[in-house]
Amino acid sequence: MTLAPDLAARFAALVGPGQALTAEADIAPYVAEWRDRWTGRAALVLRPADTGQVAAIVRLAAETCTALVPQGGNTGLVGGQIPDMSGDQIVVSLARMNRIRALDAPGFAMIAEAGVTLAAVQQAADEAGLLFPLSLAAEGTATIGGNLSTNAGGTAVLAYGTARDLVLGLEVVLADGAVWNGLKTLRKDNTGYDLKHLFMGSEGTLGIVTAAALKLFPRPRARATIFAATASPAAALKALALLRDAAPGAVTSFELMPRIGLDFVLAHVPGTRDPLAATSPWYVLVEIAAQAEAGFAAGVEAALAAALDDGALTDAALAASQAQARAFWHLRESMSGAQKGEGGSIKHDVAVPVAAVPDFIEAAGAAAITLVPGCRPVPFGHLGDGNIHFNITQPPGADTDAFLAGWAAMNEAVHAVVARFGGSISAEHGIGRAKAALLPGVKSAVEMDLMRRLKAMLDPAGILNPGKVIAGETPPLPSTSG
């Protein structure tokens, strides 16, 4: 089923010549995520240039009960940005809305449109002598609208919080086409409900974020990047405590990596090399930042020496240049993609209390191996905030399709361990299509009822990203094929 030609023409007229994509080849990049796990079909892809055009699209969609799927840089991992297979849905790409509208250096604030890439926001802040701390492996492609709609986390949550903690205000197109302009840059505004938090993390199901007022921070004048060996996740946690206590500044990142993950990177990512002479079962990548340069290097070396003397770390390399620091980070950022070279990989983006991470990794690894003997757990990620990407690589030589067919069973086994530790089945990637059916199993009846009521109130026709987050909880859409 597809949109009737006259309706498709009405939508196309709203965005101007060349900005309504209808050819299958042109649509293809917008209907599949980069791992090809989630694919769909779209009636067309619309590329609005401004908030007014987005509002016009939504008004027409509301009038005709046409489903819309907002999309940023298409870097999401749970299918939230991908249409279903009906062919009736329209993808609304915000990539052309890529202006930085304002930068207020004295006020430490920036207003950026939804299609600005995260890397561009970081660069604009840096050029003003400031810092926007959100950082992701996909930051060159991921957009601010997508980051906020999924409440992205990244590598600096330990010091700065998730995406929702970095926002002062939003501009949002609502399901009837009305525009809420909440782009205030106030640090204090205690006038009723804080509406912006409804839309951050809602994955475009309650409204389409078109711009954001972002918090900026002083740019660190000194930074140290350390790649270190450690005996275990428990020892890594001890090292984190020691470094946070002794370092001359803030520990902004603390990433955990297993040897098996590093081996995968060294084997499958050209140009990488092992930073340390001897192997270790576990590693941490640490970043420390400070506003003062005086005494910083000596202080970092002293803090690192204390962790080594204690035995929390067993070896370490302190980056001597920006190039070496980037090489260290490249190892960490390649860990997910490198697993492709080993065959199938079943992913989990979970969080548990920080103190529980070592026990969780042990218990979840045991559960995975019990379910699929010979499988290879690759737990890595943001130890400092409890977010572990608990990926399971297929046994060597196993049939990839057969292994991936057990995705749901493996999810169930790992998520059961997450539940035992009071954790979350989605730490930073969102719910999307991948986990919508799982949500009622981890949310209380009261929580699910509140979410359904919010969706029904803000999007009564169910036109905004249907089938995502609370799939099956909204009324079916009437056919738009005739």
Protein backbone atom coordinates (compact mmCIF):
# COMPACT_ATOMS: atom_id res chain seq x y z
CA MET A 1 0.00 0.00 0.00
CA THR A 2 1.16 3.51 -0.80
CA LEU A 3 -0.14 7.04 -0.58
CA ALA A 4 -2.62 8.12 -3.19
CA PRO A 5 -0.81 10.16 -5.90
CA ASP A 6 -2.78 13.32 -5.19
CA LEU A 7 -1.94 13.17 -1.49
CA ALA A 8 1.72 12.48 -2.20
CA ALA A 9 1.74 15.53 -4.47
CA ARG A 10 0.25 17.69 -1.72
CA PHE A 11 2.99 16.64 0.68
CA ALA A 12 5.69 17.17 -1.95
CA ALA A 13 4.48 20.71 -2.62
CA LEU A 14 5.17 21.63 1.02
CA VAL A 15 8.93 21.16 0.76
CA GLY A 16 9.65 22.43 -2.74
CA PRO A 17 11.29 20.96 -5.84
CA GLY A 18 13.74 18.14 -5.29
CA GLN A 19 13.04 17.77 -1.60
CA ALA A 20 10.36 15.06 -1.81
CA LEU A 21 12.09 11.81 -2.67
CA THR A 22 10.02 9.16 -4.42
CA ALA A 23 12.46 7.01 -6.39
CA GLU A 24 13.31 3.75 -4.67
CA ALA A 25 17.06 4.36 -4.97
CA ASP A 26 16.74 7.82 -3.40
CA ILE A 27 14.58 6.53 -0.56
CA ALA A 28 16.79 3.51 0.20
CA PRO A 29 19.28 5.27 2.55
CA TYR A 30 16.41 6.49 4.74
CA VAL A 31 14.68 3.14 5.27
CA ALA A 32 17.51 0.99 6.62
CA GLU A 33 19.78 1.46 9.60
CA TRP A 34 23.52 1.03 9.13
CA ARG A 35 23.64 -2.54 10.49
CA ASP A 36 20.70 -3.57 8.26
CA ARG A 37 18.94 -5.02 11.29
CA TRP A 38 15.97 -2.67 10.80
CA THR A 39 14.55 -1.98 7.37
CA GLY A 40 11.24 -0.65 6.09
CA ARG A 41 9.43 0.99 3.19
CA ALA A 42 8.31 4.59 2.80
CA ALA A 43 5.73 6.27 0.60
CA LEU A 44 8.16 9.16 0.23
CA VAL A 45 10.87 11.04 2.08
CA LEU A 46 10.34 14.73 2.83
CA ARG A 47 13.28 17.04 3.52
CA PRO A 48 11.89 20.26 5.06
CA ALA A 49 14.09 23.34 5.22
CA ASP A 50 12.62 24.99 8.31
CA THR A 51 10.19 24.67 11.18
CA GLY A 52 7.37 26.18 9.13
CA GLN A 53 7.65 23.41 6.57
CA VAL A 54 7.70 20.75 9.31
CA ALA A 55 4.56 22.27 10.81
CA ALA A 56 2.85 22.28 7.41
CA ILE A 57 3.73 18.61 6.89
CA VAL A 58 2.32 17.67 10.28
CA ARG A 59 -0.86 19.66 9.72
CA LEU A 60 -1.51 17.82 6.47
CA ALA A 61 -0.65 14.51 8.11
CA ALA A 62 -3.11 15.23 10.91
CA GLU A 63 -5.81 16.15 8.39
CA THR A 64 -5.29 12.96 6.37
CA CYS A 65 -4.23 10.53 9.16
CA THR A 66 -0.87 9.94 7.51
CA ALA A 67 1.89 8.42 9.63
CA LEU A 68 5.19 10.31 9.91
CA VAL A 69 8.58 8.97 10.93
CA PRO A 70 11.00 11.74 12.00
CA GLN A 71 14.65 11.06 11.21
CA GLY A 72 17.94 12.77 11.99
CA GLY A 73 21.27 11.26 10.96
CA ASN A 74 19.91 7.69 10.84
CA THR A 75 22.49 6.45 13.33
CA GLY A 76 19.99 4.93 15.79
CA LEU A 77 20.43 1.29 16.76
CA VAL A 78 16.90 0.26 17.80
CA GLY A 79 14.92 1.10 14.66
CA GLY A 80 13.21 4.18 16.05
CA GLN A 81 14.00 6.19 12.91
CA ILE A 82 12.98 3.50 10.41
CA PRO A 83 9.45 3.19 8.90
CA ASP A 84 7.52 -0.07 8.97
CA MET A 85 7.01 -2.33 5.95
CA SER A 86 3.56 -1.02 5.00
CA GLY A 87 4.82 1.59 2.54
CA ASP A 88 2.25 4.05 3.89
CA GLN A 89 4.54 6.00 6.19
CA ILE A 90 6.43 9.18 5.30
CA VAL A 91 9.97 9.74 6.54
CA VAL A 92 10.56 13.36 7.58
CA SER A 93 14.31 13.94 7.39
CA LEU A 94 15.47 16.98 9.34
CA ALA A 95 18.96 16.94 7.82
CA ARG A 96 18.46 20.23 5.93
CA MET A 97 17.60 22.07 9.14
CA ASN A 98 21.26 22.50 9.98
CA ARG A 99 21.67 26.09 11.12
CA ILE A 100 23.13 27.26 14.39
CA ARG A 101 20.74 30.11 15.06
CA ALA A 102 22.58 31.76 17.93
CA LEU A 103 25.59 31.33 20.19
CA ASP A 104 25.65 33.25 23.46
CA ALA A 105 29.18 32.84 24.81
CA PRO A 106 28.68 34.94 27.98
CA GLY A 107 25.50 32.98 28.70
CA PHE A 108 27.08 29.62 27.86
CA ALA A 109 24.24 28.75 25.50
CA MET A 110 23.66 27.87 21.85
CA ILE A 111 20.50 27.48 19.78
CA ALA A 112 20.89 24.80 17.13
CA GLU A 113 18.41 23.29 14.69
CA ALA A 114 17.61 19.60 14.84
CA GLY A 115 19.65 18.68 11.75
CA VAL A 116 22.95 20.11 12.99
CA THR A 117 25.37 17.25 13.51
CA LEU A 118 26.77 16.73 16.97
CA ALA A 119 30.28 17.29 15.60
CA ALA A 120 29.21 20.67 14.18
CA VAL A 121 27.78 21.72 17.55
CA GLN A 122 31.01 20.68 19.25
CA GLN A 123 33.05 22.64 16.70
CA ALA A 124 30.95 25.79 17.04
CA ALA A 125 31.31 25.66 20.82
CA ASP A 126 35.05 25.08 20.52
CA GLU A 127 35.47 28.04 18.17
CA ALA A 128 33.85 30.20 20.84
CA GLY A 129 36.28 28.87 23.45
CA LEU A 130 33.60 26.70 25.05
CA LEU A 131 32.60 23.05 25.29
CA PHE A 132 29.53 21.03 24.37
CA PRO A 133 30.38 17.77 26.14
CA LEU A 134 28.05 15.23 24.51
CA SER A 135 30.31 12.83 22.60
CA LEU A 136 29.44 9.69 20.62
CA ALA A 137 31.22 7.45 18.14
CA ALA A 138 28.71 8.56 15.47
CA GLU A 139 29.00 12.28 16.22
CA GLY A 140 30.00 13.16 12.67
CA THR A 141 26.63 11.92 11.39
CA ALA A 142 24.30 11.90 14.41
CA THR A 143 22.19 15.05 14.73
CA ILE A 144 21.09 17.07 17.73
CA GLY A 145 17.43 16.33 17.09
CA GLY A 146 18.11 12.60 17.15
CA ASN A 147 20.40 12.89 20.16
CA LEU A 148 17.70 14.62 22.17
CA SER A 149 14.83 12.48 20.92
CA THR A 150 16.68 9.39 22.15
CA ASN A 151 18.31 11.06 25.18
CA ALA A 152 21.74 9.97 24.01
CA GLY A 153 24.39 9.24 26.61
CA GLY A 154 27.89 8.86 25.23
CA THR A 155 31.26 8.93 26.89
CA ALA A 156 31.01 12.01 29.14
CA VAL A 157 27.89 11.17 31.18
CA LEU A 158 30.10 10.64 34.22
CA ALA A 159 30.87 14.36 34.38
CA TYR A 160 28.09 16.08 32.43
CA GLY A 161 25.01 13.83 32.34
CA THR A 162 22.95 12.56 29.42
CA ALA A 163 21.57 14.65 26.55
CA ARG A 164 18.54 15.80 28.55
CA ASP A 165 20.91 17.32 31.14
CA LEU A 166 22.46 19.52 28.43
CA VAL A 167 19.28 21.25 27.27
CA LEU A 168 17.77 24.56 28.36
CA GLY A 169 14.83 24.66 25.97
CA LEU A 170 13.24 23.15 22.87
CA GLU A 171 11.25 24.04 19.79
CA VAL A 172 8.78 21.27 18.96
CA VAL A 173 6.14 20.72 16.30
CA LEU A 174 3.14 19.06 17.93
CA ALA A 175 0.88 16.43 16.39
CA ASP A 176 -1.67 18.99 15.16
CA GLY A 177 1.01 21.14 13.50
CA ALA A 178 1.17 23.74 16.27
CA VAL A 179 4.67 24.91 17.17
CA TRP A 180 5.78 25.14 20.78
CA ASN A 181 8.62 27.66 20.99
CA GLY A 182 10.35 26.87 24.25
CA LEU A 183 13.79 28.05 23.19
CA LYS A 184 14.56 29.91 26.38
CA THR A 185 18.13 29.97 27.62
CA LEU A 186 17.21 30.68 31.22
CA ARG A 187 19.06 28.73 33.89
CA LYS A 188 16.12 29.16 36.24
CA ASP A 189 12.48 29.08 35.17
CA ASN A 190 10.16 27.67 37.81
CA THR A 191 6.86 28.43 36.06
CA GLY A 192 4.99 25.17 36.01
CA TYR A 193 5.61 21.90 34.22
CA ASP A 194 9.00 21.52 32.51
CA LEU A 195 7.59 20.52 29.14
CA LYS A 196 10.89 19.91 27.38
CA HIS A 197 11.38 16.67 29.29
CA LEU A 198 8.24 15.22 27.68
CA PHE A 199 9.90 15.27 24.28
CA MET A 200 13.48 14.31 25.11
CA GLY A 201 13.72 10.55 25.01
CA SER A 202 10.26 10.17 23.43
CA GLU A 203 11.76 9.22 20.01
CA GLY A 204 9.47 11.49 18.02
CA THR A 205 6.28 9.83 19.29
CA LEU A 206 4.95 12.93 21.08
CA GLY A 207 6.28 15.74 18.88
CA ILE A 208 9.04 16.55 16.40
CA VAL A 209 11.99 18.44 17.89
CA THR A 210 13.08 21.12 15.41
CA ALA A 211 15.58 23.12 17.48
CA ALA A 212 17.17 23.19 20.92
CA ALA A 213 18.77 25.64 23.30
CA LEU A 214 21.87 23.84 24.52
CA LYS A 215 24.04 24.29 27.60
CA LEU A 216 27.70 25.06 27.00
CA PHE A 217 30.54 24.75 29.48
CA PRO A 218 34.01 26.19 30.02
CA ARG A 219 36.47 24.46 27.73
CA PRO A 220 39.09 22.51 29.69
CA ARG A 221 42.57 23.95 29.34
CA ALA A 222 44.25 20.70 30.26
CA ARG A 223 43.33 17.16 29.33
CA ALA A 224 44.92 13.76 29.88
CA THR A 225 43.99 10.48 28.16
CA ILE A 226 45.11 7.19 29.70
CA PHE A 227 44.91 3.64 28.37
CA ALA A 228 45.44 1.28 31.29
CA ALA A 229 45.39 -2.42 32.11
CA THR A 230 43.42 -3.79 35.03
CA ALA A 231 42.81 -7.27 36.39
CA SER A 232 39.02 -7.19 36.54
CA PRO A 233 35.94 -4.96 36.45
CA ALA A 234 36.09 -4.85 40.26
CA ALA A 235 39.67 -3.59 40.12
CA ALA A 236 38.63 -1.07 37.47
CA LEU A 237 35.97 0.31 39.83
CA LYS A 238 38.61 0.68 42.52
CA ALA A 239 40.81 2.56 40.05
CA LEU A 240 37.89 4.86 39.22
CA ALA A 241 37.45 5.72 42.89
CA LEU A 242 41.16 6.36 43.35
CA LEU A 243 41.44 8.56 40.27
CA ARG A 244 38.31 10.57 41.06
CA ASP A 245 39.74 11.22 44.52
CA ALA A 246 43.31 12.04 43.49
CA ALA A 247 43.17 13.49 39.97
CA PRO A 248 43.76 17.24 39.55
CA GLY A 249 40.43 17.89 37.84
CA ALA A 250 37.42 15.84 36.80
CA VAL A 251 37.39 12.30 35.48
CA THR A 252 35.15 12.93 32.48
CA SER A 253 35.27 9.45 30.90
CA PHE A 254 35.97 5.98 32.26
CA GLU A 255 35.45 3.25 29.69
CA LEU A 256 35.80 -0.49 30.33
CA MET A 257 37.05 -2.89 27.62
CA PRO A 258 37.73 -6.63 27.70
CA ARG A 259 40.75 -8.21 26.06
CA ILE A 260 38.55 -10.13 23.65
CA GLY A 261 37.07 -6.87 22.38
CA LEU A 262 40.53 -5.35 21.91
CA ASP A 263 41.62 -8.49 20.06
CA PHE A 264 38.68 -8.09 17.68
CA VAL A 265 39.63 -4.46 17.01
CA LEU A 266 43.30 -5.30 16.40
CA ALA A 267 42.30 -8.10 14.05
CA HIS A 268 39.66 -6.30 12.01
CA VAL A 269 40.35 -2.54 12.13
CA PRO A 270 43.33 -1.52 9.97
CA GLY A 271 45.94 0.76 11.51
CA THR A 272 45.24 -0.12 15.14
CA ARG A 273 47.85 -1.37 17.56
CA ASP A 274 48.03 -2.51 21.17
CA PRO A 275 49.08 0.43 23.38
CA LEU A 276 50.70 -1.81 26.03
CA ALA A 277 53.48 -4.38 25.79
CA ALA A 278 51.81 -7.11 27.85
CA THR A 279 48.26 -8.38 27.53
CA SER A 280 45.67 -8.01 30.28
CA PRO A 281 42.18 -9.45 30.75
CA TRP A 282 40.65 -5.98 31.02
CA TYR A 283 41.43 -2.36 30.16
CA VAL A 284 40.11 1.09 30.95
CA LEU A 285 40.24 4.26 28.89
CA VAL A 286 40.29 7.29 31.15
CA GLU A 287 40.00 10.98 30.38
CA ILE A 288 40.75 13.65 32.97
CA ALA A 289 40.13 17.35 32.33
CA ALA A 290 40.83 20.53 34.27
CA GLN A 291 40.53 24.28 33.88
CA ALA A 292 44.06 25.00 35.12
CA GLU A 293 47.22 23.84 33.35
CA ALA A 294 49.58 24.59 36.23
CA GLY A 295 50.53 21.38 37.98
CA PHE A 296 48.05 19.32 35.95
CA ALA A 297 50.51 16.94 34.28
CA ALA A 298 52.34 16.23 37.52
CA GLY A 299 49.05 15.73 39.33
CA VAL A 300 47.80 13.23 36.74
CA GLU A 301 51.05 11.28 36.93
CA ALA A 302 50.83 11.19 40.73
CA ALA A 303 47.20 10.00 40.64
CA LEU A 304 48.08 7.35 38.07
CA ALA A 305 51.05 6.20 40.14
CA ALA A 306 48.78 5.83 43.17
CA ALA A 307 46.40 3.58 41.22
CA LEU A 308 49.32 1.51 39.96
CA ASP A 309 50.89 1.22 43.42
CA ASP A 310 47.56 0.09 44.82
CA GLY A 311 47.27 -2.62 42.16
CA ALA A 312 43.94 -1.29 40.85
CA LEU A 313 45.78 -0.72 37.58
CA THR A 314 48.61 -2.98 36.44
CA ASP A 315 50.05 -0.98 33.54
CA ALA A 316 49.25 2.29 31.82
CA ALA A 317 50.09 4.48 28.86
CA LEU A 318 49.56 8.24 29.16
CA ALA A 319 48.93 9.83 25.76
CA ALA A 320 51.82 12.07 24.83
CA SER A 321 49.98 13.86 22.03
CA GLN A 322 46.51 14.51 20.66
CA ALA A 323 47.19 11.97 17.93
CA GLN A 324 47.98 9.30 20.50
CA ALA A 325 44.86 10.21 22.50
CA ARG A 326 42.76 9.85 19.32
CA ALA A 327 44.38 6.46 18.68
CA PHE A 328 43.36 5.31 22.17
CA TRP A 329 39.78 6.47 21.59
CA HIS A 330 39.72 4.83 18.17
CA LEU A 331 40.25 1.48 19.87
CA ARG A 332 37.26 2.03 22.11
CA GLU A 333 35.01 3.47 19.39
CA SER A 334 35.80 0.58 17.04
CA MET A 335 34.81 -2.10 19.52
CA SER A 336 31.23 -2.45 18.35
CA GLY A 337 31.92 -2.44 14.62
CA ALA A 338 34.90 -4.80 14.91
CA GLN A 339 32.62 -7.56 16.12
CA LYS A 340 31.21 -7.88 12.59
CA GLY A 341 34.46 -9.51 11.58
CA GLU A 342 33.76 -12.37 13.97
CA GLY A 343 30.27 -13.15 12.66
CA GLY A 344 26.93 -12.53 14.31
CA SER A 345 26.67 -10.35 17.39
CA ILE A 346 23.64 -10.03 19.65
CA LYS A 347 23.53 -6.59 21.27
CA HIS A 348 22.38 -5.36 24.67
CA ASP A 349 22.48 -1.72 25.80
CA VAL A 350 21.87 -2.06 29.53
CA ALA A 351 22.57 -0.27 32.79
CA VAL A 352 22.92 -1.44 36.37
CA PRO A 353 24.03 0.41 39.51
CA VAL A 354 27.74 1.22 39.13
CA ALA A 355 28.77 -0.90 42.12
CA ALA A 356 26.94 -3.90 40.64
CA VAL A 357 28.72 -3.87 37.26
CA PRO A 358 31.34 -6.54 38.10
CA ASP A 359 28.77 -9.00 39.44
CA PHE A 360 26.42 -8.27 36.55
CA ILE A 361 29.11 -8.96 33.94
CA GLU A 362 29.95 -12.28 35.57
CA ALA A 363 26.32 -13.37 35.94
CA ALA A 364 25.23 -12.24 32.47
CA GLY A 365 28.24 -13.91 30.88
CA ALA A 366 27.41 -17.17 32.63
CA ALA A 367 23.77 -16.93 31.48
CA ALA A 368 24.81 -16.32 27.88
CA ILE A 369 27.26 -19.23 27.79
CA THR A 370 24.70 -21.54 29.40
CA LEU A 371 22.22 -20.63 26.67
CA VAL A 372 24.72 -20.84 23.79
CA PRO A 373 27.83 -22.83 24.73
CA GLY A 374 30.92 -21.43 23.09
CA CYS A 375 29.49 -17.94 22.55
CA ARG A 376 31.81 -15.04 23.35
CA PRO A 377 30.53 -12.25 25.61
CA VAL A 378 32.05 -8.84 24.81
CA PRO A 379 30.97 -6.49 27.62
CA PHE A 380 32.31 -2.96 27.23
CA GLY A 381 31.27 0.62 27.75
CA HIS A 382 30.68 3.36 30.24
CA LEU A 383 31.74 1.85 33.57
CA GLY A 384 31.59 5.23 35.28
CA ASP A 385 27.81 5.49 34.83
CA GLY A 386 26.91 1.79 34.87
CA ASN A 387 26.02 1.53 31.16
CA ILE A 388 27.44 -1.65 29.67
CA HIS A 389 27.09 -2.70 26.03
CA PHE A 390 26.78 -6.40 26.70
CA ASN A 391 27.30 -7.90 23.27
CA ILE A 392 27.46 -11.62 22.53
CA THR A 393 29.53 -12.79 19.56
CA GLN A 394 28.73 -16.13 17.99
CA PRO A 395 30.88 -19.21 18.72
CA PRO A 396 33.79 -19.55 16.27
CA GLY A 397 32.66 -21.33 13.13
CA ALA A 398 28.97 -21.28 14.10
CA ASP A 399 26.21 -20.63 11.58
CA THR A 400 25.56 -16.90 11.78
CA ASP A 401 21.89 -17.04 10.80
CA ALA A 402 21.18 -19.78 13.33
CA PHE A 403 22.95 -17.82 16.05
CA LEU A 404 21.09 -14.58 15.29
CA ALA A 405 17.79 -16.48 15.25
CA GLY A 406 18.29 -16.83 19.00
CA TRP A 407 18.34 -13.03 19.50
CA ALA A 408 15.10 -12.92 21.51
CA ALA A 409 16.10 -15.82 23.73
CA MET A 410 19.49 -14.26 24.44
CA ASN A 411 17.82 -10.93 25.20
CA GLU A 412 15.52 -12.67 27.63
CA ALA A 413 18.43 -14.36 29.41
CA VAL A 414 20.53 -11.21 29.72
CA HIS A 415 17.61 -8.95 30.62
CA ALA A 416 16.63 -11.35 33.40
CA VAL A 417 20.06 -10.75 34.93
CA VAL A 418 19.64 -7.00 34.44
CA ALA A 419 16.34 -7.19 36.35
CA ARG A 420 18.00 -9.03 39.24
CA PHE A 421 20.35 -6.10 39.68
CA GLY A 422 17.62 -3.45 39.40
CA GLY A 423 18.87 -2.22 36.04
CA SER A 424 17.48 -0.96 32.73
CA ILE A 425 17.15 -2.77 29.40
CA SER A 426 17.89 0.47 27.52
CA ALA A 427 20.57 2.74 28.89
CA GLU A 428 21.12 5.15 25.99
CA HIS A 429 19.90 3.78 22.65
CA GLY A 430 16.18 4.07 23.34
CA ILE A 431 13.26 1.68 22.74
CA GLY A 432 12.35 2.17 19.06
CA ARG A 433 11.07 -0.94 17.32
CA ALA A 434 13.61 -3.26 18.91
CA LYS A 435 12.37 -3.11 22.50
CA ALA A 436 8.79 -1.87 22.24
CA ALA A 437 7.37 -5.31 22.96
CA LEU A 438 9.67 -5.65 25.98
CA LEU A 439 8.66 -2.39 27.65
CA PRO A 440 5.51 -3.65 29.41
CA GLY A 441 7.65 -6.34 31.02
CA VAL A 442 9.97 -3.84 32.69
CA LYS A 443 7.56 -0.96 33.38
CA SER A 444 4.84 -1.07 36.00
CA ALA A 445 1.18 -0.96 35.02
CA VAL A 446 1.04 2.59 36.38
CA GLU A 447 4.00 3.69 34.25
CA MET A 448 2.59 2.11 31.10
CA ASP A 449 -0.80 3.71 31.74
CA LEU A 450 0.80 7.14 32.15
CA MET A 451 2.75 6.69 28.91
CA ARG A 452 -0.35 5.59 27.01
CA ARG A 453 -2.32 8.55 28.33
CA LEU A 454 0.41 11.01 27.36
CA LYS A 455 0.56 9.53 23.86
CA ALA A 456 -3.23 9.64 23.49
CA MET A 457 -3.37 13.25 24.67
CA LEU A 458 -0.49 14.63 22.59
CA ASP A 459 -0.99 12.45 19.50
CA PRO A 460 -4.63 11.30 19.51
CA ALA A 461 -4.57 10.13 15.87
CA GLY A 462 -1.35 8.16 16.37
CA ILE A 463 0.44 9.77 13.42
CA LEU A 464 3.81 10.42 15.07
CA ASN A 465 6.24 7.53 14.72
CA PRO A 466 3.63 4.80 15.25
CA GLY A 467 4.85 1.40 16.40
CA LYS A 468 7.74 2.86 18.38
CA VAL A 469 8.24 2.95 22.16
CA ILE A 470 4.67 1.92 23.11
CA ALA A 471 3.89 -0.21 20.09
CA GLY A 472 0.36 -1.54 19.96
CA GLU A 473 -0.87 0.95 22.51
CA THR A 474 -2.29 3.52 20.09
CA PRO A 475 -5.34 3.28 17.82
CA PRO A 476 -4.74 1.89 14.30
CA LEU A 477 -4.40 4.44 11.52
CA PRO A 478 -7.03 4.62 8.81
CA SER A 479 -5.84 3.66 5.32
CA THR A 480 -4.42 6.53 3.24
CA SER A 481 -4.15 4.57 0.02
CA GLY A 482 -7.34 5.81 -1.61
